[in-house]
């Protein structure tokens, strides 16, 4: 059995997102796909771009930079960094990405702010919350969130947009919705605390929990394998 083409997979992913939004009673424009292209070649990103996909997520800095260099002609492509960010890699991310979804420490936020070129728009930031309190996962606790949000809001080269989480895998819609609801509630609390901030983004939901994420208000849904096929192991 042949693997679906990028065209077929992207169409299926868009249909799935549209059906989830409809079932949740939300407008079609309320959420969009973030195509997670880590370990995939630039040619596949280009193919998806020609099919109208604009947002692409990368986890590994050097791999992403190589692809960006190959795709400089795609002027309206939007690069999102979604992996754990080491301090020594922050300059490249600050200079070459539009979004970072994985900020969970003030030190990293400060470096991104200081290294973001003044010639570029402020860097869009999502704070990563360890919503299932897993020892193996990156992200801060909900208790740490207000202080980091306040710090990021004081940094002029960053624009705090919302929250990101990768919940522990669970079976069943209601079990999947529970941690995502906590993240949504945390964003609502931040909006009340910081009413002037452009807090419009919930980066949550992947292939296994897309429907639950959309029910709980996801605005960016991260799909990789569902669009590009099985991933190669990253060396």
Protein backbone atom coordinates (compact mmCIF):
# COMPACT_ATOMS: atom_id res chain seq x y z
CA UNK A 1 0.00 0.00 0.00
CA UNK A 2 1.51 3.29 -1.08
CA UNK A 3 1.83 6.14 1.39
CA UNK A 4 -0.42 9.14 0.70
CA UNK A 5 1.11 12.10 -1.07
CA UNK A 6 1.66 15.39 0.74
CA UNK A 7 -1.27 16.76 -1.25
CA UNK A 8 -3.58 13.97 -0.10
CA UNK A 9 -2.39 14.08 3.50
CA UNK A 10 -2.66 17.86 3.77
CA UNK A 11 -6.17 17.80 2.30
CA UNK A 12 -7.17 15.11 4.80
CA UNK A 13 -5.66 17.10 7.70
CA UNK A 14 -7.51 20.23 6.64
CA UNK A 15 -10.75 18.29 6.39
CA UNK A 16 -10.24 16.80 9.84
CA UNK A 17 -9.59 20.23 11.34
CA UNK A 18 -12.65 21.67 9.58
CA UNK A 19 -14.85 18.86 10.91
CA UNK A 20 -13.49 19.33 14.43
CA UNK A 21 -14.17 23.09 14.30
CA UNK A 22 -17.68 22.46 13.02
CA UNK A 23 -18.36 19.92 15.78
CA UNK A 24 -17.11 22.44 18.36
CA UNK A 25 -19.34 25.17 16.94
CA UNK A 26 -16.34 27.34 16.07
CA UNK A 27 -15.72 29.37 12.89
CA UNK A 28 -13.40 27.84 10.30
CA UNK A 29 -10.94 30.71 10.74
CA UNK A 30 -10.55 30.05 14.48
CA UNK A 31 -7.70 27.56 14.15
CA UNK A 32 -5.02 26.68 11.63
CA UNK A 33 -2.60 23.86 11.01
CA UNK A 34 1.02 24.10 12.02
CA UNK A 35 2.81 21.59 9.78
CA UNK A 36 5.58 20.00 11.84
CA UNK A 37 8.34 19.44 9.33
CA UNK A 38 11.18 18.22 11.55
CA UNK A 39 13.33 15.53 9.88
CA UNK A 40 11.56 16.18 6.56
CA UNK A 41 13.36 17.60 3.53
CA UNK A 42 12.92 21.13 2.24
CA UNK A 43 11.32 19.74 -0.92
CA UNK A 44 8.34 18.47 1.08
CA UNK A 45 7.94 21.85 2.78
CA UNK A 46 8.00 23.51 -0.63
CA UNK A 47 5.32 21.12 -1.87
CA UNK A 48 3.09 21.90 1.11
CA UNK A 49 3.72 25.64 0.61
CA UNK A 50 2.54 25.38 -3.00
CA UNK A 51 -0.65 23.79 -1.63
CA UNK A 52 -1.28 26.86 0.53
CA UNK A 53 0.34 25.81 3.82
CA UNK A 54 2.26 28.69 5.40
CA UNK A 55 3.05 27.75 9.02
CA UNK A 56 5.84 25.22 9.59
CA UNK A 57 7.24 23.94 12.88
CA UNK A 58 10.81 22.81 13.48
CA UNK A 59 12.45 21.24 16.55
CA UNK A 60 16.15 21.25 15.70
CA UNK A 61 17.91 24.54 15.09
CA UNK A 62 20.64 23.55 12.62
CA UNK A 63 18.31 21.37 10.58
CA UNK A 64 15.83 24.22 10.40
CA UNK A 65 18.45 26.75 9.34
CA UNK A 66 19.56 24.50 6.49
CA UNK A 67 15.98 24.26 5.23
CA UNK A 68 15.41 27.98 5.59
CA UNK A 69 18.49 28.60 3.44
CA UNK A 70 17.00 26.35 0.74
CA UNK A 71 13.62 28.06 0.85
CA UNK A 72 14.51 31.74 0.91
CA UNK A 73 12.30 32.36 -2.16
CA UNK A 74 9.17 31.47 -0.17
CA UNK A 75 8.84 34.96 1.26
CA UNK A 76 5.60 34.51 3.20
CA UNK A 77 6.52 31.24 4.89
CA UNK A 78 6.17 31.43 8.69
CA UNK A 79 8.72 29.50 10.76
CA UNK A 80 7.81 28.30 14.26
CA UNK A 81 10.40 26.87 16.66
CA UNK A 82 8.62 24.28 18.77
CA UNK A 83 11.41 22.23 20.37
CA UNK A 84 13.36 22.66 23.60
CA UNK A 85 15.60 25.68 23.23
CA UNK A 86 19.16 25.70 24.53
CA UNK A 87 20.62 29.05 25.49
CA UNK A 88 23.53 28.66 23.07
CA UNK A 89 21.09 28.31 20.15
CA UNK A 90 18.90 31.27 21.03
CA UNK A 91 20.56 33.79 18.68
CA UNK A 92 19.79 31.79 15.53
CA UNK A 93 16.20 31.31 16.65
CA UNK A 94 15.80 34.99 17.54
CA UNK A 95 17.11 35.99 14.12
CA UNK A 96 15.45 33.41 11.88
CA UNK A 97 12.05 32.48 13.30
CA UNK A 98 8.72 34.31 13.65
CA UNK A 99 7.42 32.22 16.56
CA UNK A 100 8.85 30.31 19.51
CA UNK A 101 6.45 27.97 21.30
CA UNK A 102 8.78 26.52 23.92
CA UNK A 103 9.78 29.36 26.24
CA UNK A 104 9.69 28.14 29.84
CA UNK A 105 12.48 30.12 31.54
CA UNK A 106 13.15 33.81 31.95
CA UNK A 107 16.80 33.34 30.96
CA UNK A 108 15.81 32.03 27.53
CA UNK A 109 13.19 34.76 27.09
CA UNK A 110 15.74 37.43 27.94
CA UNK A 111 18.25 36.07 25.44
CA UNK A 112 15.63 35.94 22.69
CA UNK A 113 14.61 39.51 23.46
CA UNK A 114 18.18 40.80 23.48
CA UNK A 115 19.09 38.93 20.30
CA UNK A 116 15.98 39.74 18.24
CA UNK A 117 17.05 42.17 15.49
CA UNK A 118 15.41 45.58 15.73
CA UNK A 119 14.77 45.41 11.99
CA UNK A 120 12.30 42.56 12.52
CA UNK A 121 8.88 42.55 14.13
CA UNK A 122 8.86 41.39 17.76
CA UNK A 123 9.19 37.63 18.14
CA UNK A 124 5.89 35.89 18.84
CA UNK A 125 6.15 33.84 22.03
CA UNK A 126 4.14 30.99 23.51
CA UNK A 127 5.00 29.90 27.03
CA UNK A 128 5.29 26.13 27.39
CA UNK A 129 3.41 24.65 30.34
CA UNK A 130 4.06 21.13 31.61
CA UNK A 131 0.33 20.64 31.93
CA UNK A 132 0.52 16.95 32.92
CA UNK A 133 3.46 17.53 35.32
CA UNK A 134 5.60 14.87 33.63
CA UNK A 135 9.19 14.69 34.82
CA UNK A 136 10.37 13.95 31.26
CA UNK A 137 8.67 16.96 29.68
CA UNK A 138 9.84 20.52 29.23
CA UNK A 139 7.69 23.37 30.44
CA UNK A 140 6.91 25.27 33.59
CA UNK A 141 4.22 24.62 36.17
CA UNK A 142 0.97 26.57 36.18
CA UNK A 143 2.12 28.24 39.41
CA UNK A 144 5.19 29.66 37.64
CA UNK A 145 3.21 30.99 34.69
CA UNK A 146 2.10 34.48 35.87
CA UNK A 147 5.61 35.59 36.82
CA UNK A 148 7.13 34.50 33.51
CA UNK A 149 4.26 36.03 31.55
CA UNK A 150 4.80 39.35 33.33
CA UNK A 151 8.53 39.21 32.60
CA UNK A 152 8.01 38.48 28.90
CA UNK A 153 5.44 41.27 28.61
CA UNK A 154 8.12 43.69 29.79
CA UNK A 155 10.50 42.69 26.98
CA UNK A 156 10.07 44.99 23.96
CA UNK A 157 11.40 42.61 21.30
CA UNK A 158 9.00 39.82 22.30
CA UNK A 159 5.24 39.62 21.83
CA UNK A 160 3.53 37.22 24.21
CA UNK A 161 0.79 35.47 22.23
CA UNK A 162 -0.29 32.55 24.39
CA UNK A 163 0.46 29.10 25.75
CA UNK A 164 1.68 25.75 24.47
CA UNK A 165 1.49 22.28 25.99
CA UNK A 166 2.08 18.64 25.11
CA UNK A 167 -0.16 16.66 27.48
CA UNK A 168 0.56 13.09 28.48
CA UNK A 169 -1.08 10.64 26.05
CA UNK A 170 -4.52 9.46 27.12
CA UNK A 171 -7.40 7.54 25.58
CA UNK A 172 -10.89 8.89 25.11
CA UNK A 173 -12.13 12.38 24.34
CA UNK A 174 -12.94 13.40 27.90
CA UNK A 175 -9.61 12.23 29.30
CA UNK A 176 -7.81 14.12 26.53
CA UNK A 177 -9.83 17.28 27.11
CA UNK A 178 -9.07 17.56 30.84
CA UNK A 179 -5.44 18.82 30.65
CA UNK A 180 -6.25 20.93 27.59
CA UNK A 181 -9.05 22.58 29.53
CA UNK A 182 -6.54 23.47 32.26
CA UNK A 183 -4.36 25.18 29.66
CA UNK A 184 -7.34 27.09 28.25
CA UNK A 185 -8.32 28.22 31.75
CA UNK A 186 -4.74 29.33 32.40
CA UNK A 187 -4.83 31.49 29.27
CA UNK A 188 -8.16 32.97 30.33
CA UNK A 189 -6.65 33.86 33.71
CA UNK A 190 -3.69 35.53 32.02
CA UNK A 191 -6.08 37.56 29.87
CA UNK A 192 -7.82 38.81 32.98
CA UNK A 193 -4.52 39.64 34.65
CA UNK A 194 -2.96 41.31 31.57
CA UNK A 195 -5.89 42.70 29.55
CA UNK A 196 -3.63 44.74 27.23
CA UNK A 197 -1.64 41.70 26.06
CA UNK A 198 -2.45 40.08 22.65
CA UNK A 199 -3.12 36.68 24.23
CA UNK A 200 -4.88 34.96 21.34
CA UNK A 201 -3.02 31.66 20.91
CA UNK A 202 -3.39 28.15 22.27
CA UNK A 203 -0.80 25.90 20.64
CA UNK A 204 -2.09 22.45 21.48
CA UNK A 205 -3.35 19.33 19.80
CA UNK A 206 -1.53 16.78 17.67
CA UNK A 207 -2.61 13.80 15.60
CA UNK A 208 -4.01 11.79 18.52
CA UNK A 209 -5.91 14.59 20.29
CA UNK A 210 -6.81 17.12 17.60
CA UNK A 211 -10.55 16.90 18.24
CA UNK A 212 -10.15 17.33 22.00
CA UNK A 213 -7.83 20.31 21.47
CA UNK A 214 -10.26 22.03 19.13
CA UNK A 215 -13.08 21.47 21.61
CA UNK A 216 -10.96 23.29 24.21
CA UNK A 217 -10.08 26.25 22.04
CA UNK A 218 -6.85 25.37 20.20
CA UNK A 219 -5.84 27.99 17.64
CA UNK A 220 -2.68 26.27 16.34
CA UNK A 221 -2.81 22.48 15.92
CA UNK A 222 0.56 20.79 15.38
CA UNK A 223 0.47 17.95 12.85
CA UNK A 224 3.58 16.25 11.51
CA UNK A 225 3.21 12.61 10.52
CA UNK A 226 -0.39 13.22 9.43
CA UNK A 227 0.89 15.63 6.78
CA UNK A 228 4.39 14.45 5.90
CA UNK A 229 4.30 10.74 6.74
CA UNK A 230 6.41 8.77 9.20
CA UNK A 231 9.44 10.62 10.50
CA UNK A 232 13.05 9.60 10.07
CA UNK A 233 15.01 9.25 13.28
CA UNK A 234 16.95 12.46 13.99
CA UNK A 235 20.68 11.92 14.37
